[in-house]
N, C-alpha and C. Protein backbone atom coordinates (compact mmCIF):
# COMPACT_ATOMS: atom_id res chain seq x y z
N UNK A 1 6.56 30.90 -16.70
CA UNK A 1 6.47 30.63 -15.29
C UNK A 1 6.75 29.14 -15.06
N UNK A 2 7.54 28.86 -14.06
CA UNK A 2 7.87 27.48 -13.71
C UNK A 2 7.31 27.15 -12.34
N UNK A 3 6.87 25.92 -12.19
CA UNK A 3 6.39 25.45 -10.90
C UNK A 3 7.31 24.35 -10.42
N UNK A 4 7.66 24.41 -9.17
CA UNK A 4 8.48 23.37 -8.57
C UNK A 4 7.54 22.41 -7.86
N UNK A 5 7.59 21.18 -8.27
CA UNK A 5 6.75 20.16 -7.65
C UNK A 5 7.63 19.32 -6.75
N UNK A 6 7.24 19.24 -5.51
CA UNK A 6 8.01 18.48 -4.54
C UNK A 6 7.42 17.08 -4.42
N UNK A 7 8.12 16.09 -4.89
CA UNK A 7 7.70 14.70 -4.79
C UNK A 7 8.48 14.07 -3.64
N UNK A 8 7.76 13.39 -2.78
CA UNK A 8 8.40 12.72 -1.65
C UNK A 8 8.31 11.21 -1.87
N UNK A 9 9.21 10.49 -1.24
CA UNK A 9 9.26 9.04 -1.36
C UNK A 9 9.23 8.44 0.03
N UNK A 10 8.55 7.31 0.15
CA UNK A 10 8.51 6.62 1.44
C UNK A 10 8.55 5.12 1.23
N UNK A 11 8.99 4.44 2.25
CA UNK A 11 8.92 2.98 2.31
C UNK A 11 8.22 2.62 3.61
N UNK A 12 7.14 1.86 3.50
CA UNK A 12 6.38 1.43 4.67
C UNK A 12 6.53 -0.06 4.86
N UNK A 13 6.81 -0.47 6.06
CA UNK A 13 6.80 -1.88 6.43
C UNK A 13 5.35 -2.22 6.76
N UNK A 14 4.80 -3.26 6.11
CA UNK A 14 3.40 -3.58 6.30
C UNK A 14 3.22 -5.00 6.83
N UNK A 15 2.04 -5.26 7.36
CA UNK A 15 1.69 -6.56 7.93
C UNK A 15 0.84 -7.37 6.95
N UNK A 16 0.81 -8.66 7.13
CA UNK A 16 -0.08 -9.60 6.42
C UNK A 16 0.29 -9.85 4.96
N UNK A 17 1.45 -9.43 4.51
CA UNK A 17 1.87 -9.65 3.13
C UNK A 17 2.33 -11.10 3.00
N UNK A 18 1.64 -11.87 2.14
CA UNK A 18 1.88 -13.30 2.08
C UNK A 18 2.38 -13.83 0.73
N UNK A 19 1.95 -13.19 -0.36
CA UNK A 19 2.25 -13.79 -1.67
C UNK A 19 2.17 -12.75 -2.78
N UNK A 20 2.38 -13.20 -4.00
CA UNK A 20 2.32 -12.32 -5.17
C UNK A 20 0.91 -11.76 -5.39
N UNK A 21 -0.12 -12.52 -4.99
CA UNK A 21 -1.48 -12.00 -5.10
C UNK A 21 -1.65 -10.75 -4.24
N UNK A 22 -1.06 -10.78 -3.06
CA UNK A 22 -1.10 -9.61 -2.17
C UNK A 22 -0.38 -8.43 -2.83
N UNK A 23 0.79 -8.68 -3.39
CA UNK A 23 1.56 -7.59 -3.98
C UNK A 23 0.81 -6.96 -5.16
N UNK A 24 0.12 -7.79 -5.94
CA UNK A 24 -0.65 -7.29 -7.08
C UNK A 24 -1.77 -6.37 -6.60
N UNK A 25 -2.51 -6.81 -5.59
CA UNK A 25 -3.61 -6.01 -5.05
C UNK A 25 -3.10 -4.69 -4.50
N UNK A 26 -2.05 -4.73 -3.72
CA UNK A 26 -1.50 -3.51 -3.12
C UNK A 26 -1.06 -2.53 -4.20
N UNK A 27 -0.34 -3.02 -5.18
CA UNK A 27 0.14 -2.15 -6.26
C UNK A 27 -1.02 -1.51 -7.02
N UNK A 28 -2.05 -2.29 -7.32
CA UNK A 28 -3.20 -1.76 -8.06
C UNK A 28 -3.95 -0.72 -7.24
N UNK A 29 -4.21 -1.03 -5.99
CA UNK A 29 -4.99 -0.11 -5.14
C UNK A 29 -4.24 1.20 -4.89
N UNK A 30 -2.97 1.12 -4.59
CA UNK A 30 -2.22 2.34 -4.32
C UNK A 30 -2.00 3.15 -5.59
N UNK A 31 -1.73 2.49 -6.69
CA UNK A 31 -1.50 3.19 -7.96
C UNK A 31 -2.74 3.94 -8.42
N UNK A 32 -3.91 3.49 -8.00
CA UNK A 32 -5.17 4.14 -8.38
C UNK A 32 -5.44 5.42 -7.58
N UNK A 33 -4.69 5.63 -6.51
CA UNK A 33 -4.91 6.82 -5.68
C UNK A 33 -4.30 8.06 -6.29
N UNK A 34 -5.00 9.17 -6.16
CA UNK A 34 -4.49 10.46 -6.62
C UNK A 34 -3.26 10.83 -5.79
N UNK A 35 -2.20 11.25 -6.46
CA UNK A 35 -1.00 11.71 -5.77
C UNK A 35 -0.03 10.62 -5.36
N UNK A 36 -0.28 9.37 -5.76
CA UNK A 36 0.61 8.25 -5.44
C UNK A 36 1.20 7.75 -6.76
N UNK A 37 2.52 7.57 -6.79
CA UNK A 37 3.21 7.20 -8.03
C UNK A 37 4.29 6.15 -7.77
N UNK A 38 4.61 5.38 -8.78
CA UNK A 38 5.76 4.45 -8.76
C UNK A 38 5.71 3.49 -7.57
N UNK A 39 4.62 2.76 -7.45
CA UNK A 39 4.44 1.82 -6.34
C UNK A 39 5.23 0.55 -6.61
N UNK A 40 6.00 0.15 -5.62
CA UNK A 40 6.76 -1.11 -5.68
C UNK A 40 6.53 -1.85 -4.37
N UNK A 41 6.20 -3.13 -4.48
CA UNK A 41 5.94 -3.95 -3.29
C UNK A 41 7.00 -5.03 -3.24
N UNK A 42 7.66 -5.16 -2.09
CA UNK A 42 8.71 -6.15 -1.90
C UNK A 42 8.20 -7.24 -0.97
N UNK A 43 7.90 -8.39 -1.55
CA UNK A 43 7.36 -9.52 -0.78
C UNK A 43 8.36 -10.00 0.27
N UNK A 44 9.63 -10.03 -0.08
CA UNK A 44 10.66 -10.55 0.83
C UNK A 44 10.84 -9.74 2.10
N UNK A 45 10.62 -8.43 2.00
CA UNK A 45 10.83 -7.57 3.18
C UNK A 45 9.52 -7.03 3.75
N UNK A 46 8.40 -7.38 3.14
CA UNK A 46 7.07 -6.87 3.54
C UNK A 46 7.05 -5.34 3.54
N UNK A 47 7.59 -4.76 2.46
CA UNK A 47 7.64 -3.31 2.35
C UNK A 47 6.99 -2.85 1.05
N UNK A 48 6.39 -1.68 1.13
CA UNK A 48 5.85 -1.02 -0.07
C UNK A 48 6.51 0.36 -0.14
N UNK A 49 7.01 0.68 -1.33
CA UNK A 49 7.69 1.95 -1.57
C UNK A 49 6.93 2.69 -2.65
N UNK A 50 6.75 3.99 -2.46
CA UNK A 50 6.07 4.79 -3.46
C UNK A 50 6.42 6.27 -3.28
N UNK A 51 6.18 7.01 -4.35
CA UNK A 51 6.31 8.47 -4.31
C UNK A 51 4.93 9.04 -4.03
N UNK A 52 4.89 10.19 -3.36
CA UNK A 52 3.62 10.84 -3.09
C UNK A 52 3.79 12.35 -3.17
N UNK A 53 2.68 13.03 -3.47
CA UNK A 53 2.72 14.47 -3.69
C UNK A 53 2.57 15.30 -2.42
N UNK A 54 1.80 14.79 -1.44
CA UNK A 54 1.57 15.56 -0.22
C UNK A 54 1.34 14.63 0.96
N UNK A 55 1.39 15.20 2.16
CA UNK A 55 1.14 14.40 3.37
C UNK A 55 -0.26 13.80 3.35
N UNK A 56 -1.21 14.51 2.76
CA UNK A 56 -2.57 14.00 2.65
C UNK A 56 -2.60 12.74 1.79
N UNK A 57 -1.82 12.72 0.71
CA UNK A 57 -1.72 11.53 -0.13
C UNK A 57 -1.12 10.36 0.64
N UNK A 58 -0.11 10.64 1.47
CA UNK A 58 0.52 9.59 2.28
C UNK A 58 -0.49 9.01 3.27
N UNK A 59 -1.26 9.87 3.94
CA UNK A 59 -2.28 9.39 4.88
C UNK A 59 -3.33 8.55 4.16
N UNK A 60 -3.71 8.97 2.96
CA UNK A 60 -4.68 8.23 2.16
C UNK A 60 -4.15 6.84 1.81
N UNK A 61 -2.88 6.77 1.45
CA UNK A 61 -2.26 5.48 1.12
C UNK A 61 -2.23 4.56 2.34
N UNK A 62 -1.86 5.10 3.49
CA UNK A 62 -1.83 4.29 4.72
C UNK A 62 -3.22 3.78 5.06
N UNK A 63 -4.23 4.63 4.92
CA UNK A 63 -5.60 4.23 5.22
C UNK A 63 -6.08 3.16 4.23
N UNK A 64 -5.73 3.32 2.96
CA UNK A 64 -6.09 2.32 1.95
C UNK A 64 -5.45 0.97 2.27
N UNK A 65 -4.18 0.99 2.64
CA UNK A 65 -3.51 -0.26 3.02
C UNK A 65 -4.24 -0.93 4.18
N UNK A 66 -4.62 -0.15 5.16
CA UNK A 66 -5.34 -0.69 6.32
C UNK A 66 -6.68 -1.28 5.90
N UNK A 67 -7.41 -0.56 5.05
CA UNK A 67 -8.73 -1.01 4.61
C UNK A 67 -8.66 -2.33 3.85
N UNK A 68 -7.63 -2.50 3.02
CA UNK A 68 -7.53 -3.74 2.23
C UNK A 68 -6.81 -4.86 2.98
N UNK A 69 -6.39 -4.58 4.22
CA UNK A 69 -5.86 -5.65 5.07
C UNK A 69 -4.37 -5.67 5.28
N UNK A 70 -3.68 -4.58 4.93
CA UNK A 70 -2.22 -4.55 5.06
C UNK A 70 -1.79 -3.30 5.85
N UNK A 71 -2.10 -3.27 7.15
CA UNK A 71 -1.74 -2.08 7.93
C UNK A 71 -0.23 -1.96 8.11
N UNK A 72 0.19 -0.76 8.39
CA UNK A 72 1.61 -0.49 8.64
C UNK A 72 2.06 -1.26 9.88
N UNK A 73 3.27 -1.78 9.85
CA UNK A 73 3.82 -2.49 11.01
C UNK A 73 3.81 -1.58 12.22
N UNK A 74 3.52 -2.17 13.36
CA UNK A 74 3.48 -1.41 14.59
C UNK A 74 2.11 -0.83 14.90
N UNK A 75 1.15 -1.01 13.97
CA UNK A 75 -0.21 -0.55 14.22
C UNK A 75 -1.10 -1.75 14.48
N UNK A 76 -2.31 -1.47 14.92
CA UNK A 76 -3.26 -2.53 15.26
C UNK A 76 -3.51 -3.44 14.06
N UNK A 77 -3.60 -4.75 14.32
CA UNK A 77 -3.81 -5.73 13.26
C UNK A 77 -4.77 -6.81 13.78
N UNK A 78 -6.04 -6.44 13.99
CA UNK A 78 -7.00 -7.42 14.51
C UNK A 78 -7.35 -8.49 13.48
N UNK A 79 -8.04 -9.51 13.93
CA UNK A 79 -8.41 -10.62 13.06
C UNK A 79 -9.19 -10.13 11.84
N UNK A 80 -10.06 -9.13 12.00
CA UNK A 80 -10.85 -8.63 10.87
C UNK A 80 -9.95 -8.05 9.77
N UNK A 81 -8.88 -7.40 10.16
CA UNK A 81 -7.93 -6.87 9.18
C UNK A 81 -7.20 -8.00 8.48
N UNK A 82 -6.80 -9.00 9.23
CA UNK A 82 -6.13 -10.16 8.64
C UNK A 82 -7.05 -10.86 7.64
N UNK A 83 -8.33 -10.95 7.98
CA UNK A 83 -9.30 -11.58 7.07
C UNK A 83 -9.42 -10.78 5.77
N UNK A 84 -9.41 -9.45 5.87
CA UNK A 84 -9.47 -8.61 4.66
C UNK A 84 -8.24 -8.85 3.78
N UNK A 85 -7.09 -9.10 4.41
CA UNK A 85 -5.88 -9.34 3.61
C UNK A 85 -6.03 -10.63 2.80
N UNK A 86 -6.71 -11.64 3.36
CA UNK A 86 -6.91 -12.87 2.61
C UNK A 86 -7.83 -12.63 1.41
N UNK A 87 -8.85 -11.78 1.59
CA UNK A 87 -9.73 -11.46 0.47
C UNK A 87 -8.97 -10.66 -0.60
N UNK A 88 -8.15 -9.72 -0.17
CA UNK A 88 -7.35 -8.93 -1.11
C UNK A 88 -6.37 -9.82 -1.85
N UNK A 89 -5.79 -10.76 -1.14
CA UNK A 89 -4.85 -11.70 -1.72
C UNK A 89 -5.53 -12.51 -2.84
N UNK A 90 -6.72 -13.02 -2.55
CA UNK A 90 -7.47 -13.81 -3.52
C UNK A 90 -7.80 -12.97 -4.76
N UNK A 91 -8.20 -11.72 -4.54
CA UNK A 91 -8.51 -10.83 -5.66
C UNK A 91 -7.27 -10.59 -6.52
N UNK A 92 -6.12 -10.44 -5.88
CA UNK A 92 -4.87 -10.23 -6.62
C UNK A 92 -4.48 -11.43 -7.46
N UNK A 93 -4.80 -12.61 -6.97
CA UNK A 93 -4.48 -13.84 -7.72
C UNK A 93 -5.39 -14.01 -8.93
N UNK A 94 -6.60 -13.47 -8.85
CA UNK A 94 -7.55 -13.62 -9.94
C UNK A 94 -7.32 -12.60 -11.05
N UNK A 95 -6.67 -11.51 -10.74
CA UNK A 95 -6.57 -10.56 -11.82
C UNK A 95 -5.50 -9.60 -11.62
């Protein structure tokens, strides 16, 4: 018996991406999520690209990005979210 697994790919334009520390944090956090694979963060274009298994995984990734301070472009980006991005950035620089 064979199973066909449908893997989808997306590229999200995100806000608050400032440096390599940010890219490290984003890659680590998204790669740790179930159903998210092959995460690549492009500092120059403020984009994150990854494969995902289902729409639920995509929603989880978007919510995780928002929680750590990097919401999708075109969505709300209050000061509190920007502050979280600075904390995430610092964590990425440390490890």
